[in-house]
């Protein structure tokens, strides 16, 4: 009888212990399930922050690329104008040397204009004037100093043209700079020195700007005179 009671007590004890163990496991599972939404929410917040950070980085990169492209375009435009213009070109032959070649060719002739022109992809000085019998012209290569053309024509009222006073002139580079400063953009394609009513002036052909007119610069002072 006592053995039967002890056996029953042992079975009851084992059953109670098993129940307690099952309850503990159930509570752990519930706690784990309760923690899952929080962890998932935290992961979603981190993912959202990462997406926002990535978007900001892409936007910043796009802005930098756009700025770089604009800067590159501006530099390209400047370089393009600089390569086309003659305001920064250095010629081996100066204007004075070209004038001397004219005087040597047509001794005693009076000069009415001096210009530089792009003739068949080569820059040449054109010096024009007249003597007692003819209108005369000499073209001098601006790099080699070679006379590439001499021309005479019938005299045709050229005495009405003002004779140039070539003393004390500002340089062509100074005149072109003044013209471009006045216009604010573009490049100098060609220039000519002319005279009207006793005033000697540079006529600068400016390309790539808002104005289609030539710019006149006082050849003695370098001051802007007007447009033609």
C-alpha atoms as a PDB file:
ATOM      1  CA  UNK A   1       0.000   0.000   0.000  1.00  0.00           C
ATOM      2  CA  UNK A   2       2.817   2.405   0.915  1.00  0.00           C
ATOM      3  CA  UNK A   3       4.686   1.513  -2.263  1.00  0.00           C
ATOM      4  CA  UNK A   4       1.616   2.386  -4.305  1.00  0.00           C
ATOM      5  CA  UNK A   5       1.310   5.807  -2.642  1.00  0.00           C
ATOM      6  CA  UNK A   6       4.999   6.602  -3.183  1.00  0.00           C
ATOM      7  CA  UNK A   7       4.662   5.695  -6.814  1.00  0.00           C
ATOM      8  CA  UNK A   8       1.669   7.969  -7.214  1.00  0.00           C
ATOM      9  CA  UNK A   9       3.491  10.817  -5.497  1.00  0.00           C
ATOM     10  CA  UNK A  10       6.466  10.380  -7.811  1.00  0.00           C
ATOM     11  CA  UNK A  11       4.222  10.448 -10.883  1.00  0.00           C
ATOM     12  CA  UNK A  12       2.517  13.598  -9.606  1.00  0.00           C
ATOM     13  CA  UNK A  13       5.823  15.290  -9.041  1.00  0.00           C
ATOM     14  CA  UNK A  14       7.054  14.465 -12.553  1.00  0.00           C
ATOM     15  CA  UNK A  15       3.805  15.678 -14.066  1.00  0.00           C
ATOM     16  CA  UNK A  16       4.002  18.974 -12.174  1.00  0.00           C
ATOM     17  CA  UNK A  17       7.608  19.509 -13.260  1.00  0.00           C
ATOM     18  CA  UNK A  18       6.691  18.820 -16.892  1.00  0.00           C
ATOM     19  CA  UNK A  19       3.832  21.308 -16.711  1.00  0.00           C
ATOM     20  CA  UNK A  20       6.078  23.999 -15.289  1.00  0.00           C
ATOM     21  CA  UNK A  21       8.673  23.354 -18.006  1.00  0.00           C
ATOM     22  CA  UNK A  22       6.041  23.610 -20.723  1.00  0.00           C
ATOM     23  CA  UNK A  23       4.750  26.881 -19.276  1.00  0.00           C
ATOM     24  CA  UNK A  24       8.276  28.353 -19.223  1.00  0.00           C
ATOM     25  CA  UNK A  25       8.881  27.411 -22.855  1.00  0.00           C
ATOM     26  CA  UNK A  26       5.543  28.909 -23.834  1.00  0.00           C
ATOM     27  CA  UNK A  27       6.439  32.205 -22.134  1.00  0.00           C
ATOM     28  CA  UNK A  28       9.811  32.304 -23.941  1.00  0.00           C
ATOM     29  CA  UNK A  29       8.115  31.816 -27.296  1.00  0.00           C
ATOM     30  CA  UNK A  30       5.626  34.578 -26.512  1.00  0.00           C
ATOM     31  CA  UNK A  31       8.460  36.931 -25.563  1.00  0.00           C
ATOM     32  CA  UNK A  32      10.298  36.117 -28.774  1.00  0.00           C
ATOM     33  CA  UNK A  33       7.146  36.732 -30.814  1.00  0.00           C
ATOM     34  CA  UNK A  34       6.587  40.002 -28.990  1.00  0.00           C
ATOM     35  CA  UNK A  35      10.116  41.151 -29.804  1.00  0.00           C
ATOM     36  CA  UNK A  36       9.838  40.371 -33.534  1.00  0.00           C
ATOM     37  CA  UNK A  37       7.666  43.411 -34.555  1.00  0.00           C
ATOM     38  CA  UNK A  38      10.022  45.773 -32.699  1.00  0.00           C
ATOM     39  CA  UNK A  39      13.071  44.328 -34.390  1.00  0.00           C
ATOM     40  CA  UNK A  40      11.276  44.418 -37.765  1.00  0.00           C
ATOM     41  CA  UNK A  41      10.255  48.040 -37.190  1.00  0.00           C
ATOM     42  CA  UNK A  42      13.849  48.921 -36.309  1.00  0.00           C
ATOM     43  CA  UNK A  43      15.059  47.252 -39.487  1.00  0.00           C
ATOM     44  CA  UNK A  44      12.489  49.201 -41.516  1.00  0.00           C
ATOM     45  CA  UNK A  45      13.620  52.491 -39.953  1.00  0.00           C
ATOM     46  CA  UNK A  46      17.234  51.664 -40.741  1.00  0.00           C
ATOM     47  CA  UNK A  47      16.300  50.761 -44.296  1.00  0.00           C
ATOM     48  CA  UNK A  48      14.385  54.048 -44.687  1.00  0.00           C
ATOM     49  CA  UNK A  49      17.369  56.033 -43.371  1.00  0.00           C
ATOM     50  CA  UNK A  50      19.667  54.202 -45.745  1.00  0.00           C
ATOM     51  CA  UNK A  51      17.366  54.961 -48.680  1.00  0.00           C
ATOM     52  CA  UNK A  52      17.199  58.650 -47.731  1.00  0.00           C
ATOM     53  CA  UNK A  53      20.986  58.807 -47.348  1.00  0.00           C
ATOM     54  CA  UNK A  54      21.435  57.099 -50.719  1.00  0.00           C
ATOM     55  CA  UNK A  55      18.982  59.514 -52.340  1.00  0.00           C
ATOM     56  CA  UNK A  56      20.832  62.507 -50.876  1.00  0.00           C
ATOM     57  CA  UNK A  57      24.142  61.125 -52.123  1.00  0.00           C
ATOM     58  CA  UNK A  58      22.705  60.607 -55.626  1.00  0.00           C
ATOM     59  CA  UNK A  59      21.231  64.125 -55.627  1.00  0.00           C
ATOM     60  CA  UNK A  60      24.546  65.605 -54.476  1.00  0.00           C
ATOM     61  CA  UNK A  61      26.412  63.608 -57.099  1.00  0.00           C
ATOM     62  CA  UNK A  62      23.981  64.763 -59.787  1.00  0.00           C
ATOM     63  CA  UNK A  63      24.370  68.409 -58.723  1.00  0.00           C
ATOM     64  CA  UNK A  64      28.166  68.092 -58.758  1.00  0.00           C
ATOM     65  CA  UNK A  65      28.057  66.489 -62.204  1.00  0.00           C
ATOM     66  CA  UNK A  66      25.799  69.263 -63.492  1.00  0.00           C
ATOM     67  CA  UNK A  67      28.068  71.940 -62.040  1.00  0.00           C
ATOM     68  CA  UNK A  68      31.125  70.221 -63.510  1.00  0.00           C
ATOM     69  CA  UNK A  69      29.439  70.019 -66.920  1.00  0.00           C
ATOM     70  CA  UNK A  70      28.517  73.724 -66.813  1.00  0.00           C
ATOM     71  CA  UNK A  71      32.045  74.657 -65.772  1.00  0.00           C
ATOM     72  CA  UNK A  72      33.482  72.466 -68.516  1.00  0.00           C
ATOM     73  CA  UNK A  73      31.121  74.059 -71.041  1.00  0.00           C
ATOM     74  CA  UNK A  74      32.115  77.573 -69.915  1.00  0.00           C
ATOM     75  CA  UNK A  75      35.808  76.706 -70.114  1.00  0.00           C
ATOM     76  CA  UNK A  76      35.231  75.164 -73.522  1.00  0.00           C
ATOM     77  CA  UNK A  77      33.564  78.352 -74.745  1.00  0.00           C
ATOM     78  CA  UNK A  78      36.420  80.471 -73.413  1.00  0.00           C
ATOM     79  CA  UNK A  79      39.032  78.247 -74.971  1.00  0.00           C
ATOM     80  CA  UNK A  80      37.121  78.221 -78.237  1.00  0.00           C
ATOM     81  CA  UNK A  81      36.959  82.039 -78.343  1.00  0.00           C
ATOM     82  CA  UNK A  82      40.607  82.306 -77.374  1.00  0.00           C
ATOM     83  CA  UNK A  83      41.664  79.977 -80.198  1.00  0.00           C
ATOM     84  CA  UNK A  84      39.626  81.864 -82.796  1.00  0.00           C
ATOM     85  CA  UNK A  85      40.543  85.389 -81.768  1.00  0.00           C
ATOM     86  CA  UNK A  86      43.720  87.257 -82.675  1.00  0.00           C
ATOM     87  CA  UNK A  87      43.790  89.347 -79.495  1.00  0.00           C
ATOM     88  CA  UNK A  88      46.178  86.818 -77.918  1.00  0.00           C
ATOM     89  CA  UNK A  89      48.080  85.774 -81.032  1.00  0.00           C
ATOM     90  CA  UNK A  90      51.720  86.685 -81.378  1.00  0.00           C
ATOM     91  CA  UNK A  91      52.823  87.418 -84.922  1.00  0.00           C
ATOM     92  CA  UNK A  92      56.488  87.289 -85.861  1.00  0.00           C
ATOM     93  CA  UNK A  93      56.109  90.417 -87.971  1.00  0.00           C
ATOM     94  CA  UNK A  94      54.913  93.631 -86.345  1.00  0.00           C
ATOM     95  CA  UNK A  95      52.633  96.241 -87.860  1.00  0.00           C
ATOM     96  CA  UNK A  96      55.571  98.669 -88.009  1.00  0.00           C
ATOM     97  CA  UNK A  97      57.624  96.182 -90.022  1.00  0.00           C
ATOM     98  CA  UNK A  98      54.763  95.714 -92.483  1.00  0.00           C
ATOM     99  CA  UNK A  99      54.497  99.499 -92.896  1.00  0.00           C
ATOM    100  CA  UNK A 100      58.248  99.678 -93.549  1.00  0.00           C
ATOM    101  CA  UNK A 101      57.919  97.079 -96.291  1.00  0.00           C
ATOM    102  CA  UNK A 102      55.193  99.189 -97.895  1.00  0.00           C
ATOM    103  CA  UNK A 103      57.400 102.276 -97.750  1.00  0.00           C
ATOM    104  CA  UNK A 104      60.323 100.346 -99.243  1.00  0.00           C
ATOM    105  CA  UNK A 105      58.115  99.065-102.059  1.00  0.00           C
ATOM    106  CA  UNK A 106      56.399 102.369-102.864  1.00  0.00           C
ATOM    107  CA  UNK A 107      58.769 105.089-101.784  1.00  0.00           C
ATOM    108  CA  UNK A 108      57.027 108.363-101.032  1.00  0.00           C
ATOM    109  CA  UNK A 109      53.505 106.861-101.102  1.00  0.00           C
ATOM    110  CA  UNK A 110      51.010 108.093 -98.522  1.00  0.00           C
ATOM    111  CA  UNK A 111      49.285 105.508 -96.308  1.00  0.00           C
ATOM    112  CA  UNK A 112      45.509 105.635 -95.890  1.00  0.00           C
ATOM    113  CA  UNK A 113      44.855 102.383 -93.989  1.00  0.00           C
ATOM    114  CA  UNK A 114      46.578  99.481 -92.269  1.00  0.00           C
ATOM    115  CA  UNK A 115      44.758  96.237 -91.464  1.00  0.00           C
ATOM    116  CA  UNK A 116      45.288  92.609 -90.601  1.00  0.00           C
ATOM    117  CA  UNK A 117      43.223  89.991 -92.373  1.00  0.00           C
ATOM    118  CA  UNK A 118      42.855  86.211 -92.453  1.00  0.00           C
ATOM    119  CA  UNK A 119      43.660  85.408 -96.054  1.00  0.00           C
ATOM    120  CA  UNK A 120      43.334  81.690 -96.916  1.00  0.00           C
ATOM    121  CA  UNK A 121      44.066  80.628 -93.307  1.00  0.00           C
ATOM    122  CA  UNK A 122      47.129  82.878 -93.177  1.00  0.00           C
ATOM    123  CA  UNK A 123      47.216  86.270 -91.492  1.00  0.00           C
ATOM    124  CA  UNK A 124      48.477  89.129 -93.626  1.00  0.00           C
ATOM    125  CA  UNK A 125      48.922  92.843 -93.112  1.00  0.00           C
ATOM    126  CA  UNK A 126      47.231  94.971 -95.748  1.00  0.00           C
ATOM    127  CA  UNK A 127      48.773  98.421 -96.172  1.00  0.00           C
ATOM    128  CA  UNK A 128      46.989 100.725 -98.603  1.00  0.00           C
ATOM    129  CA  UNK A 129      47.773 104.195 -99.910  1.00  0.00           C
ATOM    130  CA  UNK A 130      48.568 106.157-103.029  1.00  0.00           C
ATOM    131  CA  UNK A 131      51.393 107.921-104.827  1.00  0.00           C
ATOM    132  CA  UNK A 132      51.397 110.521-107.560  1.00  0.00           C
ATOM    133  CA  UNK A 133      50.047 108.168-110.196  1.00  0.00           C
ATOM    134  CA  UNK A 134      48.316 105.173-108.617  1.00  0.00           C
ATOM    135  CA  UNK A 135      46.509 103.622-105.709  1.00  0.00           C
ATOM    136  CA  UNK A 136      48.866 101.089-104.202  1.00  0.00           C
ATOM    137  CA  UNK A 137      48.608  98.148-101.828  1.00  0.00           C
ATOM    138  CA  UNK A 138      51.014  95.701-100.232  1.00  0.00           C
ATOM    139  CA  UNK A 139      50.125  92.469 -98.411  1.00  0.00           C
ATOM    140  CA  UNK A 140      52.721  91.133 -95.975  1.00  0.00           C
ATOM    141  CA  UNK A 141      52.593  87.686 -94.342  1.00  0.00           C
ATOM    142  CA  UNK A 142      52.330  88.284 -90.595  1.00  0.00           C
ATOM    143  CA  UNK A 143      54.509  85.275 -89.763  1.00  0.00           C
ATOM    144  CA  UNK A 144      57.202  85.259 -92.439  1.00  0.00           C
ATOM    145  CA  UNK A 145      57.377  88.910 -93.466  1.00  0.00           C
ATOM    146  CA  UNK A 146      57.125  87.891 -97.104  1.00  0.00           C
ATOM    147  CA  UNK A 147      55.326  90.260 -99.468  1.00  0.00           C
ATOM    148  CA  UNK A 148      52.584  88.016-100.832  1.00  0.00           C
ATOM    149  CA  UNK A 149      50.923  90.614-103.022  1.00  0.00           C
ATOM    150  CA  UNK A 150      51.601  94.015-104.571  1.00  0.00           C
ATOM    151  CA  UNK A 151      48.823  95.817-106.351  1.00  0.00           C
ATOM    152  CA  UNK A 152      48.433  99.080-108.228  1.00  0.00           C
ATOM    153  CA  UNK A 153      45.256 100.618-109.560  1.00  0.00           C
ATOM    154  CA  UNK A 154      44.132 103.764-111.273  1.00  0.00           C
ATOM    155  CA  UNK A 155      43.999 106.723-108.979  1.00  0.00           C
ATOM    156  CA  UNK A 156      40.377 107.397-108.044  1.00  0.00           C
ATOM    157  CA  UNK A 157      39.834 110.288-105.688  1.00  0.00           C
ATOM    158  CA  UNK A 158      42.001 108.708-103.018  1.00  0.00           C
ATOM    159  CA  UNK A 159      43.318 112.151-102.178  1.00  0.00           C
ATOM    160  CA  UNK A 160      40.020 112.592-100.336  1.00  0.00           C
ATOM    161  CA  UNK A 161      41.027 109.800 -97.946  1.00  0.00           C
ATOM    162  CA  UNK A 162      42.747 110.961 -94.798  1.00  0.00           C
ATOM    163  CA  UNK A 163      46.451 110.209 -94.626  1.00  0.00           C
ATOM    164  CA  UNK A 164      47.220 108.189 -91.501  1.00  0.00           C
ATOM    165  CA  UNK A 165      49.299 109.661 -88.731  1.00  0.00           C
ATOM    166  CA  UNK A 166      50.923 106.497 -87.397  1.00  0.00           C
ATOM    167  CA  UNK A 167      52.895 108.195 -84.647  1.00  0.00           C
ATOM    168  CA  UNK A 168      52.032 107.540 -81.004  1.00  0.00           C
ATOM    169  CA  UNK A 169      49.416 104.845 -81.557  1.00  0.00           C
ATOM    170  CA  UNK A 170      48.341 102.313 -78.953  1.00  0.00           C
ATOM    171  CA  UNK A 171      49.179  98.756 -79.984  1.00  0.00           C
ATOM    172  CA  UNK A 172      46.640  96.558 -81.768  1.00  0.00           C
ATOM    173  CA  UNK A 173      46.548  94.323 -78.660  1.00  0.00           C
ATOM    174  CA  UNK A 174      45.574  97.287 -76.472  1.00  0.00           C
ATOM    175  CA  UNK A 175      42.892  98.339 -78.940  1.00  0.00           C
ATOM    176  CA  UNK A 176      41.435  94.832 -79.193  1.00  0.00           C
ATOM    177  CA  UNK A 177      41.382  94.464 -75.402  1.00  0.00           C
ATOM    178  CA  UNK A 178      39.543  97.780 -75.073  1.00  0.00           C
ATOM    179  CA  UNK A 179      37.010  96.683 -77.688  1.00  0.00           C
ATOM    180  CA  UNK A 180      36.362  93.327 -76.013  1.00  0.00           C
ATOM    181  CA  UNK A 181      36.098  94.962 -72.583  1.00  0.00           C
ATOM    182  CA  UNK A 182      33.476  97.311 -74.008  1.00  0.00           C
ATOM    183  CA  UNK A 183      31.459  94.524 -75.648  1.00  0.00           C
ATOM    184  CA  UNK A 184      31.910  92.074 -72.778  1.00  0.00           C
ATOM    185  CA  UNK A 185      32.150  88.886 -74.858  1.00  0.00           C
ATOM    186  CA  UNK A 186      33.363  87.406 -78.135  1.00  0.00           C
ATOM    187  CA  UNK A 187      36.742  87.574 -79.817  1.00  0.00           C
ATOM    188  CA  UNK A 188      38.602  89.857 -82.223  1.00  0.00           C
ATOM    189  CA  UNK A 189      38.572  88.501 -85.758  1.00  0.00           C
ATOM    190  CA  UNK A 190      40.321  91.364 -87.596  1.00  0.00           C
ATOM    191  CA  UNK A 191      41.275  95.012 -87.146  1.00  0.00           C
ATOM    192  CA  UNK A 192      41.931  98.027 -89.327  1.00  0.00           C
ATOM    193  CA  UNK A 193      43.399 101.460 -88.673  1.00  0.00           C
ATOM    194  CA  UNK A 194      41.581 104.232 -90.466  1.00  0.00           C
ATOM    195  CA  UNK A 195      41.181 107.981 -90.157  1.00  0.00           C
ATOM    196  CA  UNK A 196      38.220 110.323 -90.418  1.00  0.00           C
ATOM    197  CA  UNK A 197      38.200 114.090 -89.911  1.00  0.00           C
ATOM    198  CA  UNK A 198      41.709 113.899 -88.552  1.00  0.00           C
ATOM    199  CA  UNK A 199      40.871 111.260 -85.886  1.00  0.00           C
ATOM    200  CA  UNK A 200      42.795 108.023 -86.225  1.00  0.00           C
ATOM    201  CA  UNK A 201      40.954 104.980 -84.898  1.00  0.00           C
ATOM    202  CA  UNK A 202      40.995 101.187 -84.806  1.00  0.00           C
ATOM    203  CA  UNK A 203      38.014  99.420 -86.292  1.00  0.00           C
ATOM    204  CA  UNK A 204      37.793  96.066 -84.484  1.00  0.00           C
ATOM    205  CA  UNK A 205      35.742  93.262 -86.013  1.00  0.00           C
ATOM    206  CA  UNK A 206      34.333  91.440 -82.964  1.00  0.00           C
ATOM    207  CA  UNK A 207      32.683  88.057 -83.471  1.00  0.00           C
ATOM    208  CA  UNK A 208      30.694  85.873 -81.055  1.00  0.00           C
ATOM    209  CA  UNK A 209      29.086  88.769 -79.186  1.00  0.00           C
ATOM    210  CA  UNK A 210      25.647  90.365 -78.959  1.00  0.00           C
ATOM    211  CA  UNK A 211      26.612  93.162 -81.319  1.00  0.00           C
ATOM    212  CA  UNK A 212      26.953  92.857 -85.080  1.00  0.00           C
ATOM    213  CA  UNK A 213      28.755  96.193 -85.373  1.00  0.00           C
ATOM    214  CA  UNK A 214      32.478  96.877 -85.497  1.00  0.00           C
ATOM    215  CA  UNK A 215      33.925  98.574 -82.434  1.00  0.00           C
ATOM    216  CA  UNK A 216      35.831 101.850 -82.865  1.00  0.00           C
ATOM    217  CA  UNK A 217      38.725 102.561 -80.507  1.00  0.00           C
ATOM    218  CA  UNK A 218      40.697 105.821 -80.498  1.00  0.00           C
ATOM    219  CA  UNK A 219      44.119 104.852 -81.868  1.00  0.00           C
ATOM    220  CA  UNK A 220      45.889 107.559 -79.860  1.00  0.00           C
ATOM    221  CA  UNK A 221      44.262 107.077 -76.441  1.00  0.00           C
ATOM    222  CA  UNK A 222      42.770 103.573 -76.515  1.00  0.00           C
ATOM    223  CA  UNK A 223      39.348 104.955 -75.536  1.00  0.00           C
ATOM    224  CA  UNK A 224      36.088 103.582 -76.848  1.00  0.00           C
ATOM    225  CA  UNK A 225      34.556 105.842 -79.500  1.00  0.00           C
ATOM    226  CA  UNK A 226      31.467 104.016 -80.750  1.00  0.00           C
ATOM    227  CA  UNK A 227      30.131 101.366 -83.113  1.00  0.00           C
ATOM    228  CA  UNK A 228      29.912 101.201 -86.864  1.00  0.00           C
END
